C-alpha atoms as a PDB file:
ATOM      1  CA  MET A   1      21.509  -9.519  -1.237  1.00  0.00           C
ATOM      2  CA  THR A   2      18.265  -8.586   0.551  1.00  0.00           C
ATOM      3  CA  LYS A   3      17.232 -10.965   3.276  1.00  0.00           C
ATOM      4  CA  LYS A   4      13.508 -11.834   4.138  1.00  0.00           C
ATOM      5  CA  ILE A   5      12.433 -10.385   7.533  1.00  0.00           C
ATOM      6  CA  THR A   6      11.069 -13.325   9.650  1.00  0.00           C
ATOM      7  CA  SER A   7       9.894 -11.220  12.714  1.00  0.00           C
ATOM      8  CA  ILE A   8       9.530  -7.779  13.830  1.00  0.00           C
ATOM      9  CA  VAL A   9       9.336  -6.426  17.454  1.00  0.00           C
ATOM     10  CA  GLN A  10       8.660  -3.012  18.479  1.00  0.00           C
ATOM     11  CA  ASN A  11      10.647  -1.905  21.495  1.00  0.00           C
ATOM     12  CA  ASN A  12       9.095   1.192  23.152  1.00  0.00           C
ATOM     13  CA  ASP A  13      11.763   1.596  25.675  1.00  0.00           C
ATOM     14  CA  GLY A  14      14.197   2.417  22.963  1.00  0.00           C
ATOM     15  CA  ASP A  15      17.775   1.511  22.157  1.00  0.00           C
ATOM     16  CA  THR A  16      20.940   2.835  20.740  1.00  0.00           C
ATOM     17  CA  ASN A  17      20.860   3.071  16.986  1.00  0.00           C
ATOM     18  CA  PRO A  18      24.087   1.115  15.972  1.00  0.00           C
ATOM     19  CA  LYS A  19      24.645   3.369  12.771  1.00  0.00           C
ATOM     20  CA  THR A  20      24.278   6.615  14.567  1.00  0.00           C
ATOM     21  CA  GLY A  21      25.324   5.832  18.178  1.00  0.00           C
ATOM     22  CA  LEU A  22      22.294   7.863  19.218  1.00  0.00           C
ATOM     23  CA  PHE A  23      19.411   6.678  21.544  1.00  0.00           C
ATOM     24  CA  GLU A  24      16.197   6.395  19.640  1.00  0.00           C
ATOM     25  CA  GLN A  25      12.568   5.703  21.126  1.00  0.00           C
ATOM     26  CA  PRO A  26      10.939   3.418  19.933  1.00  0.00           C
ATOM     27  CA  VAL A  27      13.219   1.201  17.724  1.00  0.00           C
ATOM     28  CA  TRP A  28      12.083  -1.965  15.878  1.00  0.00           C
ATOM     29  CA  VAL A  29      14.196  -5.061  15.997  1.00  0.00           C
ATOM     30  CA  LEU A  30      13.950  -7.011  12.752  1.00  0.00           C
ATOM     31  CA  GLU A  31      15.075 -10.600  12.546  1.00  0.00           C
ATOM     32  CA  LEU A  32      16.200 -11.883   9.235  1.00  0.00           C
ATOM     33  CA  GLU A  33      16.095 -15.224   7.697  1.00  0.00           C
ATOM     34  CA  ASP A  34      19.617 -16.021   8.597  1.00  0.00           C
ATOM     35  CA  GLY A  35      19.035 -15.262  12.217  1.00  0.00           C
ATOM     36  CA  GLU A  36      20.709 -11.811  12.167  1.00  0.00           C
ATOM     37  CA  LYS A  37      19.031  -8.928  14.015  1.00  0.00           C
ATOM     38  CA  ARG A  38      18.957  -5.493  12.789  1.00  0.00           C
ATOM     39  CA  ILE A  39      17.743  -2.423  14.905  1.00  0.00           C
ATOM     40  CA  LEU A  40      15.891   0.339  12.998  1.00  0.00           C
ATOM     41  CA  GLY A  41      14.785   3.739  14.059  1.00  0.00           C
ATOM     42  CA  LYS A  42      11.553   5.509  12.943  1.00  0.00           C
ATOM     43  CA  GLU A  43      13.357   7.411  10.075  1.00  0.00           C
ATOM     44  CA  LYS A  44      14.656   3.942   8.390  1.00  0.00           C
ATOM     45  CA  MET A  45      11.327   2.584   8.901  1.00  0.00           C
ATOM     46  CA  GLU A  46       9.679   5.257   7.052  1.00  0.00           C
ATOM     47  CA  GLU A  47      12.294   5.323   4.184  1.00  0.00           C
ATOM     48  CA  TYR A  48      11.696   1.500   3.596  1.00  0.00           C
ATOM     49  CA  LEU A  49       8.112   1.715   3.923  1.00  0.00           C
ATOM     50  CA  SER A  50       8.002   4.690   1.276  1.00  0.00           C
ATOM     51  CA  LYS A  51      10.242   2.726  -0.908  1.00  0.00           C
ATOM     52  CA  GLY A  52       7.919  -0.402  -0.616  1.00  0.00           C
ATOM     53  CA  TYR A  53       4.794   1.311  -1.214  1.00  0.00           C
ATOM     54  CA  GLU A  54       6.398   3.594  -3.864  1.00  0.00           C
ATOM     55  CA  ARG A  55       4.504   6.563  -2.027  1.00  0.00           C
ATOM     56  CA  THR A  56       5.737   8.774   0.695  1.00  0.00           C
ATOM     57  CA  VAL A  57       4.854   7.565   4.045  1.00  0.00           C
ATOM     58  CA  HIS A  58       3.932  10.578   6.571  1.00  0.00           C
ATOM     59  CA  SER A  59       3.793   8.280   9.672  1.00  0.00           C
ATOM     60  CA  PHE A  60       2.860   4.716  10.847  1.00  0.00           C
ATOM     61  CA  LYS A  61       1.483   3.352  14.118  1.00  0.00           C
ATOM     62  CA  ARG A  62       1.231   0.004  15.591  1.00  0.00           C
ATOM     63  CA  TRP A  63      -2.231  -0.781  17.106  1.00  0.00           C
ATOM     64  CA  VAL A  64      -2.793  -3.638  19.321  1.00  0.00           C
ATOM     65  CA  MET A  65      -6.265  -5.192  19.436  1.00  0.00           C
ATOM     66  CA  THR A  66      -7.433  -7.536  22.156  1.00  0.00           C
ATOM     67  CA  SER A  67     -10.144  -9.927  21.558  1.00  0.00           C
ATOM     68  CA  VAL A  68     -12.719 -10.810  23.960  1.00  0.00           C
ATOM     69  CA  SER A  69     -10.852 -13.989  24.907  1.00  0.00           C
ATOM     70  CA  GLY A  70      -7.677 -11.996  25.421  1.00  0.00           C
ATOM     71  CA  THR A  71      -5.778 -12.754  22.333  1.00  0.00           C
ATOM     72  CA  GLU A  72      -3.733  -9.744  21.255  1.00  0.00           C
ATOM     73  CA  ILE A  73      -3.454  -8.941  17.546  1.00  0.00           C
ATOM     74  CA  SER A  74      -1.034  -6.223  16.194  1.00  0.00           C
ATOM     75  CA  ALA A  75      -1.868  -4.299  13.048  1.00  0.00           C
ATOM     76  CA  TYR A  76      -0.158  -1.199  11.717  1.00  0.00           C
ATOM     77  CA  CYS A  77      -1.639   1.933  10.228  1.00  0.00           C
ATOM     78  CA  VAL A  78       0.527   3.458   7.618  1.00  0.00           C
ATOM     79  CA  VAL A  79      -0.390   7.067   6.784  1.00  0.00           C
ATOM     80  CA  PHE A  80       0.680   8.655   3.498  1.00  0.00           C
ATOM     81  CA  THR A  81       1.365  12.314   2.796  1.00  0.00           C
ATOM     82  CA  ASP A  82      -1.803  12.667   0.745  1.00  0.00           C
ATOM     83  CA  LYS A  83      -3.581  11.621   4.157  1.00  0.00           C
ATOM     84  CA  SER A  84      -4.704   8.216   2.770  1.00  0.00           C
ATOM     85  CA  HIS A  85      -3.925   5.282   4.815  1.00  0.00           C
ATOM     86  CA  ASP A  86      -3.403   1.471   4.864  1.00  0.00           C
ATOM     87  CA  LEU A  87      -4.381  -0.699   7.575  1.00  0.00           C
ATOM     88  CA  ILE A  88      -2.008  -3.771   7.529  1.00  0.00           C
ATOM     89  CA  PRO A  89      -1.123  -6.968   9.480  1.00  0.00           C
ATOM     90  CA  THR A  90       2.326  -7.383  10.772  1.00  0.00           C
ATOM     91  CA  ALA A  91       3.251  -9.877   7.868  1.00  0.00           C
ATOM     92  CA  LYS A  92       2.469  -7.318   5.218  1.00  0.00           C
ATOM     93  CA  LEU A  93       4.498  -4.600   7.161  1.00  0.00           C
ATOM     94  CA  ARG A  94       7.418  -7.008   6.931  1.00  0.00           C
ATOM     95  CA  GLU A  95       6.801  -7.492   3.196  1.00  0.00           C
ATOM     96  CA  GLN A  96       6.707  -3.800   2.588  1.00  0.00           C
ATOM     97  CA  LEU A  97       9.856  -3.170   4.495  1.00  0.00           C
ATOM     98  CA  TYR A  98      11.603  -6.119   2.608  1.00  0.00           C
ATOM     99  CA  ASN A  99      10.415  -4.813  -0.659  1.00  0.00           C
ATOM    100  CA  GLY A 100      11.518  -1.181   0.236  1.00  0.00           C
ATOM    101  CA  HIS A 101      15.073  -2.443   1.098  1.00  0.00           C
ATOM    102  CA  LYS A 102      15.209  -4.396  -2.029  1.00  0.00           C
ATOM    103  CA  ARG A 103      14.174  -1.453  -4.033  1.00  0.00           C
ATOM    104  CA  LYS A 104      16.793   0.847  -2.294  1.00  0.00           C
ATOM    105  CA  ALA A 105      19.444  -1.806  -3.002  1.00  0.00           C
ATOM    106  CA  SER A 106      18.573  -2.013  -6.620  1.00  0.00           C
ATOM    107  CA  LEU A 107      18.568   1.838  -6.931  1.00  0.00           C
ATOM    108  CA  ILE A 108      21.969   1.991  -5.396  1.00  0.00           C
ATOM    109  CA  GLN A 109      23.297  -0.717  -7.786  1.00  0.00           C
ATOM    110  CA  LEU A 110      21.891   1.162 -10.744  1.00  0.00           C
ATOM    111  CA  CYS A 111      23.664   4.399  -9.750  1.00  0.00           C
ATOM    112  CA  PHE A 112      26.839   2.615  -9.141  1.00  0.00           C
ATOM    113  CA  ILE A 113      26.440   0.942 -12.710  1.00  0.00           C
ATOM    114  CA  HIS A 114      25.540   4.567 -14.260  1.00  0.00           C
ATOM    115  CA  GLN A 115      28.632   6.171 -12.477  1.00  0.00           C
ATOM    116  CA  ARG A 116      31.117   3.466 -13.992  1.00  0.00           C
ATOM    117  CA  LEU A 117      29.808   4.092 -17.452  1.00  0.00           C
END
């Protein structure tokens, strides 16, 4: 079952990808609704975003905007292969990643069912 993402933090210093054992920079630390933390590299982030949008993501980048009072707000610019883009708040990024993961899980389940027939 796919779990909701409660927070996402971009670690620009990088970390070791737990699946591959390779160092990646940057990485994103996702905290799930049960408190579990997962580390994703750029490739997985783009894969889940592509599945969430149902369009191929070319790249994405976090923008940090600072107000006059000093408050920082993060937004993400997602660029697609057709060079169109979507500027989204962090909450929508979490939602798209969740939808992408859920879609991938349902496709895997569908393939498994098809193989058993």
